[in-house]
Protein backbone atom coordinates (compact mmCIF):
# COMPACT_ATOMS: atom_id res chain seq x y z
CA MET A 1 -28.35 148.80 210.77
CA ASN A 2 -27.98 145.68 212.85
CA PRO A 3 -24.62 143.91 213.44
CA TYR A 4 -25.60 140.85 211.39
CA GLN A 5 -26.50 142.99 208.38
CA GLN A 6 -23.28 145.00 208.80
CA LYS A 7 -21.19 141.80 208.90
CA TRP A 8 -22.76 140.59 205.65
CA LEU A 9 -22.17 143.96 204.01
CA ASP A 10 -18.52 143.78 205.08
CA ILE A 11 -18.13 140.25 203.72
CA LEU A 12 -19.74 141.11 200.40
CA HIS A 13 -17.71 144.30 199.97
CA LYS A 14 -14.45 142.49 200.79
CA ALA A 15 -15.22 139.96 198.07
CA ASN A 16 -14.49 142.69 195.47
CA LEU A 17 -17.29 141.60 193.19
CA LYS A 18 -16.62 143.64 190.07
CA ASP A 19 -19.44 145.99 189.10
CA TRP A 20 -21.78 144.74 191.84
CA GLU A 21 -23.60 147.45 193.79
CA ILE A 22 -24.17 146.26 197.35
CA THR A 23 -26.17 148.56 199.60
CA PRO A 24 -28.22 148.34 202.78
CA LEU A 25 -31.97 148.46 202.31
CA GLY A 26 -33.68 148.91 205.67
CA ASP A 27 -32.64 145.81 207.62
CA ASP A 28 -31.88 143.93 204.39
CA ILE A 29 -29.35 144.11 201.53
CA HIS A 30 -29.90 145.14 197.92
CA ILE A 31 -27.50 143.77 195.29
CA THR A 32 -27.45 144.96 191.69
CA MET A 33 -25.29 142.92 189.34
CA PRO A 34 -24.25 143.70 185.77
CA HIS A 35 -27.06 143.00 183.30
CA VAL A 36 -25.08 140.13 181.71
CA THR A 37 -25.07 138.18 185.00
CA ASP A 38 -26.98 134.89 184.81
CA LEU A 39 -29.27 135.03 187.84
CA LYS A 40 -30.18 131.35 187.50
CA VAL A 41 -26.55 130.43 188.20
CA ILE A 42 -26.46 132.84 191.15
CA ARG A 43 -29.77 131.53 192.53
CA ASP A 44 -28.69 127.88 192.17
CA ASN A 45 -25.33 128.40 193.92
CA LEU A 46 -26.30 130.96 196.55
CA PRO A 47 -27.18 128.53 199.38
CA THR A 48 -23.74 126.88 199.16
CA ILE A 49 -21.92 130.20 198.91
CA ILE A 50 -23.84 131.68 201.87
CA ALA A 51 -23.10 128.58 203.96
CA GLN A 52 -19.36 128.86 203.24
CA LEU A 53 -19.21 132.60 203.89
CA SER A 54 -21.07 132.35 207.18
CA LEU A 55 -18.82 129.76 208.83
CA ASP A 56 -16.85 132.27 210.92
CA MET A 57 -19.68 134.66 211.82
CA ASP A 58 -20.00 135.41 215.52
CA GLU A 59 -22.96 137.77 215.31
CA PRO A 60 -26.35 136.44 216.44
CA LYS A 61 -28.19 135.25 213.35
CA GLN A 62 -31.44 136.81 212.32
CA PRO A 63 -33.40 136.68 209.08
CA LEU A 64 -31.79 138.84 206.43
CA LYS A 65 -33.20 139.28 202.94
CA LEU A 66 -30.99 139.73 199.90
CA PHE A 67 -32.75 141.47 197.01
CA ILE A 68 -30.73 140.52 193.94
CA LYS A 69 -31.25 141.88 190.43
CA ASN A 70 -29.41 142.24 187.15
CA GLY A 71 -31.47 144.88 185.39
CA TYR A 72 -33.79 142.41 183.68
CA GLU A 73 -34.94 140.14 186.46
CA GLU A 74 -34.67 139.88 190.20
CA PHE A 75 -35.16 137.49 193.06
CA GLU A 76 -35.19 137.51 196.83
CA TYR A 77 -33.17 135.19 199.07
CA THR A 78 -33.55 135.01 202.85
CA ILE A 79 -30.60 134.06 205.06
CA HIS A 80 -31.80 132.40 208.28
């Protein structure tokens, strides 16, 4: 696990996102949300949320994929 991935895992776990399973997946992150989660809302707001959460990161940035699913559908988002 690289430091950038570990930092994101720490941030996501500290957010206490109820019933979200957040786990490393190789050099990426897999997120499973409750099946009632509207992934369109997540997908539409994710760039803004990622930008806000990454403001105080000191680790060297590298591409990191988030694999996000809710049991019915899934999507992939790459942090650059």
